[in-house]
Every structure is written in structure tokens, then in C-alpha cells.
Amino acid sequence: KQLSSDLEAYTIHAGRKTVEMADLEVLMRRQGLV
């Protein structure tokens, strides 16, 4: 639920309506995985 919410926020912030690989990479960087 948190993952989905974060991805949605990153996508909206980027001005898009579709989640892209870049959003997932930003999320994983923030989590320290990437």
C-alpha cells in the first residue's frame, strides 16, 4: 500500500499519469536499494 502510494506521488510530481521505470528507480534509491 505504501509502495503504491509513493509511486503514485512520484508520478504525479513528474506531471504524468503513468508509473514509469524512473519512478520505481527513485523509490528504490530512497529506500537505499539502488
PDB file of all heavy atoms in Angstrom:
ATOM      1  N   LYS A   1       0.839  -1.190   0.000  1.00  0.00           N
ATOM      2  CA  LYS A   1       0.000   0.000   0.000  1.00  0.00           C
ATOM      3  C   LYS A   1       0.882   1.250   0.000  1.00  0.00           C
ATOM      4  O   LYS A   1       0.639   2.194  -0.759  1.00  0.00           O
ATOM      5  CB  LYS A   1      -0.921  -0.023   1.221  1.00  0.00           C
ATOM      6  CG  LYS A   1      -1.992   1.006   1.195  1.00  0.00           C
ATOM      7  CD  LYS A   1      -2.953   0.787   2.350  1.00  0.00           C
ATOM      8  CE  LYS A   1      -4.125   1.736   2.245  1.00  0.00           C
ATOM      9  NZ  LYS A   1      -5.120   1.500   3.269  1.00  0.00           N
ATOM     10  N   GLN A   2       1.924   1.264   0.845  1.00  0.00           N
ATOM     11  CA  GLN A   2       2.842   2.399   0.909  1.00  0.00           C
ATOM     12  C   GLN A   2       3.627   2.540  -0.395  1.00  0.00           C
ATOM     13  O   GLN A   2       3.810   3.637  -0.906  1.00  0.00           O
ATOM     14  CB  GLN A   2       3.804   2.242   2.090  1.00  0.00           C
ATOM     15  CG  GLN A   2       4.723   3.421   2.293  1.00  0.00           C
ATOM     16  CD  GLN A   2       3.965   4.677   2.662  1.00  0.00           C
ATOM     17  OE1 GLN A   2       3.110   4.653   3.532  1.00  0.00           O
ATOM     18  NE2 GLN A   2       4.278   5.776   2.011  1.00  0.00           N
ATOM     19  N   LEU A   3       4.079   1.403  -0.946  1.00  0.00           N
ATOM     20  CA  LEU A   3       4.812   1.397  -2.204  1.00  0.00           C
ATOM     21  C   LEU A   3       3.972   2.019  -3.318  1.00  0.00           C
ATOM     22  O   LEU A   3       4.436   2.885  -4.051  1.00  0.00           O
ATOM     23  CB  LEU A   3       5.208  -0.038  -2.568  1.00  0.00           C
ATOM     24  CG  LEU A   3       5.953  -0.232  -3.867  1.00  0.00           C
ATOM     25  CD1 LEU A   3       7.448  -0.313  -3.579  1.00  0.00           C
ATOM     26  CD2 LEU A   3       5.488  -1.507  -4.527  1.00  0.00           C
ATOM     27  N   SER A   4       2.722   1.614  -3.400  1.00  0.00           N
ATOM     28  CA  SER A   4       1.822   2.139  -4.426  1.00  0.00           C
ATOM     29  C   SER A   4       1.583   3.630  -4.240  1.00  0.00           C
ATOM     30  O   SER A   4       1.579   4.395  -5.204  1.00  0.00           O
ATOM     31  CB  SER A   4       0.483   1.405  -4.386  1.00  0.00           C
ATOM     32  OG  SER A   4       0.681   0.031  -4.567  1.00  0.00           O
ATOM     33  N   SER A   5       1.390   4.030  -3.002  1.00  0.00           N
ATOM     34  CA  SER A   5       1.171   5.442  -2.706  1.00  0.00           C
ATOM     35  C   SER A   5       2.389   6.285  -3.094  1.00  0.00           C
ATOM     36  O   SER A   5       2.254   7.357  -3.686  1.00  0.00           O
ATOM     37  CB  SER A   5       0.865   5.596  -1.215  1.00  0.00           C
ATOM     38  OG  SER A   5       0.781   6.935  -0.860  1.00  0.00           O
ATOM     39  N   ASP A   6       3.576   5.801  -2.763  1.00  0.00           N
ATOM     40  CA  ASP A   6       4.807   6.522  -3.115  1.00  0.00           C
ATOM     41  C   ASP A   6       4.989   6.617  -4.625  1.00  0.00           C
ATOM     42  O   ASP A   6       5.319   7.680  -5.147  1.00  0.00           O
ATOM     43  CB  ASP A   6       6.029   5.838  -2.492  1.00  0.00           C
ATOM     44  CG  ASP A   6       6.096   6.005  -0.989  1.00  0.00           C
ATOM     45  OD1 ASP A   6       5.353   6.854  -0.441  1.00  0.00           O
ATOM     46  OD2 ASP A   6       6.887   5.291  -0.348  1.00  0.00           O
ATOM     47  N   LEU A   7       4.768   5.523  -5.326  1.00  0.00           N
ATOM     48  CA  LEU A   7       4.904   5.538  -6.788  1.00  0.00           C
ATOM     49  C   LEU A   7       3.902   6.504  -7.420  1.00  0.00           C
ATOM     50  O   LEU A   7       4.230   7.224  -8.364  1.00  0.00           O
ATOM     51  CB  LEU A   7       4.728   4.131  -7.366  1.00  0.00           C
ATOM     52  CG  LEU A   7       5.890   3.187  -7.167  1.00  0.00           C
ATOM     53  CD1 LEU A   7       5.514   1.785  -7.632  1.00  0.00           C
ATOM     54  CD2 LEU A   7       7.122   3.672  -7.910  1.00  0.00           C
ATOM     55  N   GLU A   8       2.699   6.521  -6.893  1.00  0.00           N
ATOM     56  CA  GLU A   8       1.687   7.447  -7.400  1.00  0.00           C
ATOM     57  C   GLU A   8       2.129   8.892  -7.177  1.00  0.00           C
ATOM     58  O   GLU A   8       2.002   9.734  -8.067  1.00  0.00           O
ATOM     59  CB  GLU A   8       0.357   7.182  -6.698  1.00  0.00           C
ATOM     60  CG  GLU A   8      -0.772   8.041  -7.195  1.00  0.00           C
ATOM     61  CD  GLU A   8      -2.090   7.750  -6.502  1.00  0.00           C
ATOM     62  OE1 GLU A   8      -2.109   6.981  -5.525  1.00  0.00           O
ATOM     63  OE2 GLU A   8      -3.097   8.315  -6.944  1.00  0.00           O
ATOM     64  N   ALA A   9       2.681   9.173  -6.001  1.00  0.00           N
ATOM     65  CA  ALA A   9       3.140  10.532  -5.694  1.00  0.00           C
ATOM     66  C   ALA A   9       4.282  10.951  -6.620  1.00  0.00           C
ATOM     67  O   ALA A   9       4.295  12.088  -7.115  1.00  0.00           O
ATOM     68  CB  ALA A   9       3.585  10.619  -4.241  1.00  0.00           C
ATOM     69  N   TYR A  10       5.234  10.054  -6.872  1.00  0.00           N
ATOM     70  CA  TYR A  10       6.352  10.373  -7.760  1.00  0.00           C
ATOM     71  C   TYR A  10       5.863  10.634  -9.178  1.00  0.00           C
ATOM     72  O   TYR A  10       6.345  11.528  -9.864  1.00  0.00           O
ATOM     73  CB  TYR A  10       7.393   9.252  -7.777  1.00  0.00           C
ATOM     74  CG  TYR A  10       8.047   9.001  -6.446  1.00  0.00           C
ATOM     75  CD1 TYR A  10       8.571   7.750  -6.156  1.00  0.00           C
ATOM     76  CD2 TYR A  10       8.163   9.978  -5.482  1.00  0.00           C
ATOM     77  CE1 TYR A  10       9.182   7.496  -4.933  1.00  0.00           C
ATOM     78  CE2 TYR A  10       8.763   9.734  -4.265  1.00  0.00           C
ATOM     79  CZ  TYR A  10       9.271   8.498  -3.992  1.00  0.00           C
ATOM     80  OH  TYR A  10       9.870   8.258  -2.791  1.00  0.00           O
ATOM     81  N   THR A  11       4.886   9.855  -9.622  1.00  0.00           N
ATOM     82  CA  THR A  11       4.344  10.008 -10.965  1.00  0.00           C
ATOM     83  C   THR A  11       3.606  11.337 -11.114  1.00  0.00           C
ATOM     84  O   THR A  11       3.795  12.057 -12.099  1.00  0.00           O
ATOM     85  CB  THR A  11       3.395   8.835 -11.301  1.00  0.00           C
ATOM     86  OG1 THR A  11       4.108   7.611 -11.143  1.00  0.00           O
ATOM     87  CG2 THR A  11       2.876   8.917 -12.707  1.00  0.00           C
ATOM     88  N   ILE A  12       2.794  11.665 -10.126  1.00  0.00           N
ATOM     89  CA  ILE A  12       2.057  12.934 -10.157  1.00  0.00           C
ATOM     90  C   ILE A  12       3.031  14.105 -10.104  1.00  0.00           C
ATOM     91  O   ILE A  12       2.871  15.094 -10.827  1.00  0.00           O
ATOM     92  CB  ILE A  12       1.041  12.994  -9.001  1.00  0.00           C
ATOM     93  CG1 ILE A  12      -0.094  11.995  -9.260  1.00  0.00           C
ATOM     94  CG2 ILE A  12       0.487  14.404  -8.822  1.00  0.00           C
ATOM     95  CD1 ILE A  12      -1.014  11.779  -8.085  1.00  0.00           C
ATOM     96  N   HIS A  13       4.061  13.989  -9.278  1.00  0.00           N
ATOM     97  CA  HIS A  13       5.061  15.052  -9.164  1.00  0.00           C
ATOM     98  C   HIS A  13       5.767  15.293 -10.502  1.00  0.00           C
ATOM     99  O   HIS A  13       6.097  16.426 -10.843  1.00  0.00           O
ATOM    100  CB  HIS A  13       6.087  14.706  -8.084  1.00  0.00           C
ATOM    101  CG  HIS A  13       7.149  15.748  -7.920  1.00  0.00           C
ATOM    102  ND1 HIS A  13       6.897  16.967  -7.340  1.00  0.00           N
ATOM    103  CD2 HIS A  13       8.451  15.761  -8.279  1.00  0.00           C
ATOM    104  CE1 HIS A  13       8.014  17.687  -7.340  1.00  0.00           C
ATOM    105  NE2 HIS A  13       8.968  16.976  -7.901  1.00  0.00           N
ATOM    106  N   ALA A  14       5.973  14.221 -11.257  1.00  0.00           N
ATOM    107  CA  ALA A  14       6.622  14.337 -12.567  1.00  0.00           C
ATOM    108  C   ALA A  14       5.651  14.833 -13.644  1.00  0.00           C
ATOM    109  O   ALA A  14       6.050  15.048 -14.784  1.00  0.00           O
ATOM    110  CB  ALA A  14       7.212  12.990 -12.985  1.00  0.00           C
ATOM    111  N   GLY A  15       4.374  15.006 -13.288  1.00  0.00           N
ATOM    112  CA  GLY A  15       3.394  15.517 -14.243  1.00  0.00           C
ATOM    113  C   GLY A  15       2.899  14.464 -15.218  1.00  0.00           C
ATOM    114  O   GLY A  15       2.497  14.784 -16.328  1.00  0.00           O
ATOM    115  N   ARG A  16       2.941  13.211 -14.817  1.00  0.00           N
ATOM    116  CA  ARG A  16       2.488  12.118 -15.688  1.00  0.00           C
ATOM    117  C   ARG A  16       1.302  11.404 -15.060  1.00  0.00           C
ATOM    118  O   ARG A  16       0.997  11.603 -13.885  1.00  0.00           O
ATOM    119  CB  ARG A  16       3.623  11.113 -15.908  1.00  0.00           C
ATOM    120  CG  ARG A  16       4.722  11.663 -16.787  1.00  0.00           C
ATOM    121  CD  ARG A  16       5.807  10.629 -17.033  1.00  0.00           C
ATOM    122  NE  ARG A  16       6.811  10.723 -15.974  1.00  0.00           N
ATOM    123  CZ  ARG A  16       6.982   9.855 -14.999  1.00  0.00           C
ATOM    124  NH1 ARG A  16       6.241   8.779 -14.933  1.00  0.00           N
ATOM    125  NH2 ARG A  16       7.902  10.030 -14.076  1.00  0.00           N
ATOM    126  N   LYS A  17       0.663  10.545 -15.847  1.00  0.00           N
ATOM    127  CA  LYS A  17      -0.447   9.734 -15.349  1.00  0.00           C
ATOM    128  C   LYS A  17      -0.104   8.255 -15.358  1.00  0.00           C
ATOM    129  O   LYS A  17      -0.928   7.425 -14.995  1.00  0.00           O
ATOM    130  CB  LYS A  17      -1.701   9.973 -16.190  1.00  0.00           C
ATOM    131  CG  LYS A  17      -2.257  11.367 -16.030  1.00  0.00           C
ATOM    132  CD  LYS A  17      -3.537  11.527 -16.800  1.00  0.00           C
ATOM    133  CE  LYS A  17      -4.099  12.921 -16.578  1.00  0.00           C
ATOM    134  NZ  LYS A  17      -5.375  13.099 -17.248  1.00  0.00           N
ATOM    135  N   THR A  18       1.109   7.919 -15.793  1.00  0.00           N
ATOM    136  CA  THR A  18       1.541   6.526 -15.874  1.00  0.00           C
ATOM    137  C   THR A  18       2.828   6.345 -15.090  1.00  0.00           C
ATOM    138  O   THR A  18       3.761   7.129 -15.235  1.00  0.00           O
ATOM    139  CB  THR A  18       1.789   6.134 -17.352  1.00  0.00           C
ATOM    140  OG1 THR A  18       0.605   6.404 -18.095  1.00  0.00           O
ATOM    141  CG2 THR A  18       2.134   4.659 -17.480  1.00  0.00           C
ATOM    142  N   VAL A  19       2.867   5.303 -14.259  1.00  0.00           N
ATOM    143  CA  VAL A  19       4.071   4.991 -13.498  1.00  0.00           C
ATOM    144  C   VAL A  19       5.115   4.434 -14.461  1.00  0.00           C
ATOM    145  O   VAL A  19       4.807   3.556 -15.269  1.00  0.00           O
ATOM    146  CB  VAL A  19       3.781   3.963 -12.382  1.00  0.00           C
ATOM    147  CG1 VAL A  19       5.052   3.566 -11.658  1.00  0.00           C
ATOM    148  CG2 VAL A  19       2.761   4.510 -11.400  1.00  0.00           C
ATOM    149  N   GLU A  20       6.323   4.961 -14.390  1.00  0.00           N
ATOM    150  CA  GLU A  20       7.398   4.517 -15.272  1.00  0.00           C
ATOM    151  C   GLU A  20       8.552   3.953 -14.454  1.00  0.00           C
ATOM    152  O   GLU A  20       8.592   4.077 -13.237  1.00  0.00           O
ATOM    153  CB  GLU A  20       7.880   5.688 -16.135  1.00  0.00           C
ATOM    154  CG  GLU A  20       6.846   6.154 -17.136  1.00  0.00           C
ATOM    155  CD  GLU A  20       7.319   7.291 -18.015  1.00  0.00           C
ATOM    156  OE1 GLU A  20       8.474   7.739 -17.843  1.00  0.00           O
ATOM    157  OE2 GLU A  20       6.538   7.717 -18.878  1.00  0.00           O
ATOM    158  N   MET A  21       9.503   3.352 -15.154  1.00  0.00           N
ATOM    159  CA  MET A  21      10.668   2.747 -14.525  1.00  0.00           C
ATOM    160  C   MET A  21      11.430   3.782 -13.693  1.00  0.00           C
ATOM    161  O   MET A  21      11.941   3.469 -12.622  1.00  0.00           O
ATOM    162  CB  MET A  21      11.579   2.148 -15.591  1.00  0.00           C
ATOM    163  CG  MET A  21      12.771   1.414 -15.028  1.00  0.00           C
ATOM    164  SD  MET A  21      12.350  -0.165 -14.348  1.00  0.00           S
ATOM    165  CE  MET A  21      12.729  -1.184 -15.732  1.00  0.00           C
ATOM    166  N   ALA A  22      11.466   5.018 -14.153  1.00  0.00           N
ATOM    167  CA  ALA A  22      12.183   6.073 -13.428  1.00  0.00           C
ATOM    168  C   ALA A  22      11.578   6.297 -12.046  1.00  0.00           C
ATOM    169  O   ALA A  22      12.302   6.537 -11.075  1.00  0.00           O
ATOM    170  CB  ALA A  22      12.156   7.369 -14.228  1.00  0.00           C
ATOM    171  N   ASP A  23      10.252   6.187 -11.936  1.00  0.00           N
ATOM    172  CA  ASP A  23       9.591   6.353 -10.639  1.00  0.00           C
ATOM    173  C   ASP A  23      10.000   5.243  -9.680  1.00  0.00           C
ATOM    174  O   ASP A  23      10.270   5.482  -8.503  1.00  0.00           O
ATOM    175  CB  ASP A  23       8.073   6.349 -10.813  1.00  0.00           C
ATOM    176  CG  ASP A  23       7.589   7.431 -11.753  1.00  0.00           C
ATOM    177  OD1 ASP A  23       8.110   8.556 -11.661  1.00  0.00           O
ATOM    178  OD2 ASP A  23       6.707   7.144 -12.576  1.00  0.00           O
ATOM    179  N   LEU A  24      10.055   4.036 -10.197  1.00  0.00           N
ATOM    180  CA  LEU A  24      10.468   2.898  -9.380  1.00  0.00           C
ATOM    181  C   LEU A  24      11.924   3.037  -8.953  1.00  0.00           C
ATOM    182  O   LEU A  24      12.277   2.729  -7.810  1.00  0.00           O
ATOM    183  CB  LEU A  24      10.266   1.597 -10.153  1.00  0.00           C
ATOM    184  CG  LEU A  24      10.453   0.312  -9.375  1.00  0.00           C
ATOM    185  CD1 LEU A  24       9.531   0.254  -8.178  1.00  0.00           C
ATOM    186  CD2 LEU A  24      10.226  -0.873 -10.260  1.00  0.00           C
ATOM    187  N   GLU A  25      12.752   3.535  -9.847  1.00  0.00           N
ATOM    188  CA  GLU A  25      14.162   3.713  -9.506  1.00  0.00           C
ATOM    189  C   GLU A  25      14.333   4.788  -8.426  1.00  0.00           C
ATOM    190  O   GLU A  25      15.129   4.622  -7.500  1.00  0.00           O
ATOM    191  CB  GLU A  25      14.982   4.071 -10.740  1.00  0.00           C
ATOM    192  CG  GLU A  25      16.465   4.016 -10.486  1.00  0.00           C
ATOM    193  CD  GLU A  25      17.289   3.993 -11.763  1.00  0.00           C
ATOM    194  OE1 GLU A  25      16.726   3.941 -12.867  1.00  0.00           O
ATOM    195  OE2 GLU A  25      18.521   4.017 -11.625  1.00  0.00           O
ATOM    196  N   VAL A  26      13.555   5.875  -8.507  1.00  0.00           N
ATOM    197  CA  VAL A  26      13.605   6.910  -7.466  1.00  0.00           C
ATOM    198  C   VAL A  26      13.190   6.319  -6.128  1.00  0.00           C
ATOM    199  O   VAL A  26      13.826   6.544  -5.095  1.00  0.00           O
ATOM    200  CB  VAL A  26      12.698   8.109  -7.832  1.00  0.00           C
ATOM    201  CG1 VAL A  26      12.512   9.045  -6.645  1.00  0.00           C
ATOM    202  CG2 VAL A  26      13.262   8.866  -9.009  1.00  0.00           C
ATOM    203  N   LEU A  27      12.135   5.532  -6.131  1.00  0.00           N
ATOM    204  CA  LEU A  27      11.657   4.892  -4.902  1.00  0.00           C
ATOM    205  C   LEU A  27      12.728   3.980  -4.308  1.00  0.00           C
ATOM    206  O   LEU A  27      12.996   4.018  -3.109  1.00  0.00           O
ATOM    207  CB  LEU A  27      10.384   4.097  -5.183  1.00  0.00           C
ATOM    208  CG  LEU A  27       9.822   3.312  -4.002  1.00  0.00           C
ATOM    209  CD1 LEU A  27       9.297   4.257  -2.935  1.00  0.00           C
ATOM    210  CD2 LEU A  27       8.742   2.378  -4.455  1.00  0.00           C
ATOM    211  N   MET A  28      13.354   3.187  -5.162  1.00  0.00           N
ATOM    212  CA  MET A  28      14.373   2.245  -4.676  1.00  0.00           C
ATOM    213  C   MET A  28      15.627   2.986  -4.204  1.00  0.00           C
ATOM    214  O   MET A  28      16.289   2.547  -3.273  1.00  0.00           O
ATOM    215  CB  MET A  28      14.687   1.212  -5.755  1.00  0.00           C
ATOM    216  CG  MET A  28      13.490   0.320  -6.025  1.00  0.00           C
ATOM    217  SD  MET A  28      13.793  -0.882  -7.309  1.00  0.00           S
ATOM    218  CE  MET A  28      14.674  -2.114  -6.377  1.00  0.00           C
ATOM    219  N   ARG A  29      15.939   4.112  -4.799  1.00  0.00           N
ATOM    220  CA  ARG A  29      17.057   4.932  -4.316  1.00  0.00           C
ATOM    221  C   ARG A  29      16.733   5.489  -2.930  1.00  0.00           C
ATOM    222  O   ARG A  29      17.572   5.502  -2.042  1.00  0.00           O
ATOM    223  CB  ARG A  29      17.368   6.077  -5.279  1.00  0.00           C
ATOM    224  CG  ARG A  29      18.189   5.664  -6.452  1.00  0.00           C
ATOM    225  CD  ARG A  29      18.677   6.879  -7.241  1.00  0.00           C
ATOM    226  NE  ARG A  29      19.364   6.463  -8.439  1.00  0.00           N
ATOM    227  CZ  ARG A  29      20.636   6.080  -8.461  1.00  0.00           C
ATOM    228  NH1 ARG A  29      21.342   6.069  -7.372  1.00  0.00           N
ATOM    229  NH2 ARG A  29      21.186   5.706  -9.594  1.00  0.00           N
ATOM    230  N   ARG A  30      15.516   5.947  -2.754  1.00  0.00           N
ATOM    231  CA  ARG A  30      15.120   6.496  -1.455  1.00  0.00           C
ATOM    232  C   ARG A  30      15.113   5.426  -0.373  1.00  0.00           C
ATOM    233  O   ARG A  30      15.357   5.714   0.786  1.00  0.00           O
ATOM    234  CB  ARG A  30      13.751   7.146  -1.554  1.00  0.00           C
ATOM    235  CG  ARG A  30      13.824   8.350  -2.471  1.00  0.00           C
ATOM    236  CD  ARG A  30      12.852   9.365  -2.207  1.00  0.00           C
ATOM    237  NE  ARG A  30      12.724   9.701  -0.806  1.00  0.00           N
ATOM    238  CZ  ARG A  30      12.139  10.775  -0.379  1.00  0.00           C
ATOM    239  NH1 ARG A  30      11.659  11.619  -1.240  1.00  0.00           N
ATOM    240  NH2 ARG A  30      12.008  11.029   0.900  1.00  0.00           N
ATOM    241  N   GLN A  31      14.837   4.183  -0.761  1.00  0.00           N
ATOM    242  CA  GLN A  31      14.854   3.080   0.197  1.00  0.00           C
ATOM    243  C   GLN A  31      16.259   2.547   0.423  1.00  0.00           C
ATOM    244  O   GLN A  31      16.473   1.694   1.269  1.00  0.00           O
ATOM    245  CB  GLN A  31      13.953   1.937  -0.282  1.00  0.00           C
ATOM    246  CG  GLN A  31      12.490   2.284  -0.254  1.00  0.00           C
ATOM    247  CD  GLN A  31      11.622   1.160  -0.780  1.00  0.00           C
ATOM    248  OE1 GLN A  31      12.078   0.267  -1.478  1.00  0.00           O
ATOM    249  NE2 GLN A  31      10.347   1.211  -0.441  1.00  0.00           N
ATOM    250  N   GLY A  32      17.216   3.021  -0.363  1.00  0.00           N
ATOM    251  CA  GLY A  32      18.597   2.572  -0.211  1.00  0.00           C
ATOM    252  C   GLY A  32      18.914   1.279  -0.932  1.00  0.00           C
ATOM    253  O   GLY A  32      19.984   0.706  -0.753  1.00  0.00           O
ATOM    254  N   LEU A  33      17.996   0.802  -1.768  1.00  0.00           N
ATOM    255  CA  LEU A  33      18.230  -0.439  -2.501  1.00  0.00           C
ATOM    256  C   LEU A  33      19.088  -0.205  -3.738  1.00  0.00           C
ATOM    257  O   LEU A  33      19.882  -1.047  -4.125  1.00  0.00           O
ATOM    258  CB  LEU A  33      16.900  -1.077  -2.905  1.00  0.00           C
ATOM    259  CG  LEU A  33      16.002  -1.491  -1.742  1.00  0.00           C
ATOM    260  CD1 LEU A  33      14.637  -1.890  -2.257  1.00  0.00           C
ATOM    261  CD2 LEU A  33      16.643  -2.620  -0.952  1.00  0.00           C
ATOM    262  N   VAL A  34      18.886   0.935  -4.390  1.00  0.00           N
ATOM    263  CA  VAL A  34      19.656   1.291  -5.573  1.00  0.00           C
ATOM    264  C   VAL A  34      20.612   2.413  -5.179  1.00  0.00           C
ATOM    265  O   VAL A  34      20.200   3.415  -4.616  1.00  0.00           O
ATOM    266  CB  VAL A  34      18.734   1.762  -6.716  1.00  0.00           C
ATOM    267  CG1 VAL A  34      19.528   2.285  -7.884  1.00  0.00           C
ATOM    268  CG2 VAL A  34      17.837   0.638  -7.169  1.00  0.00           C
TER     269      VAL A  34
END
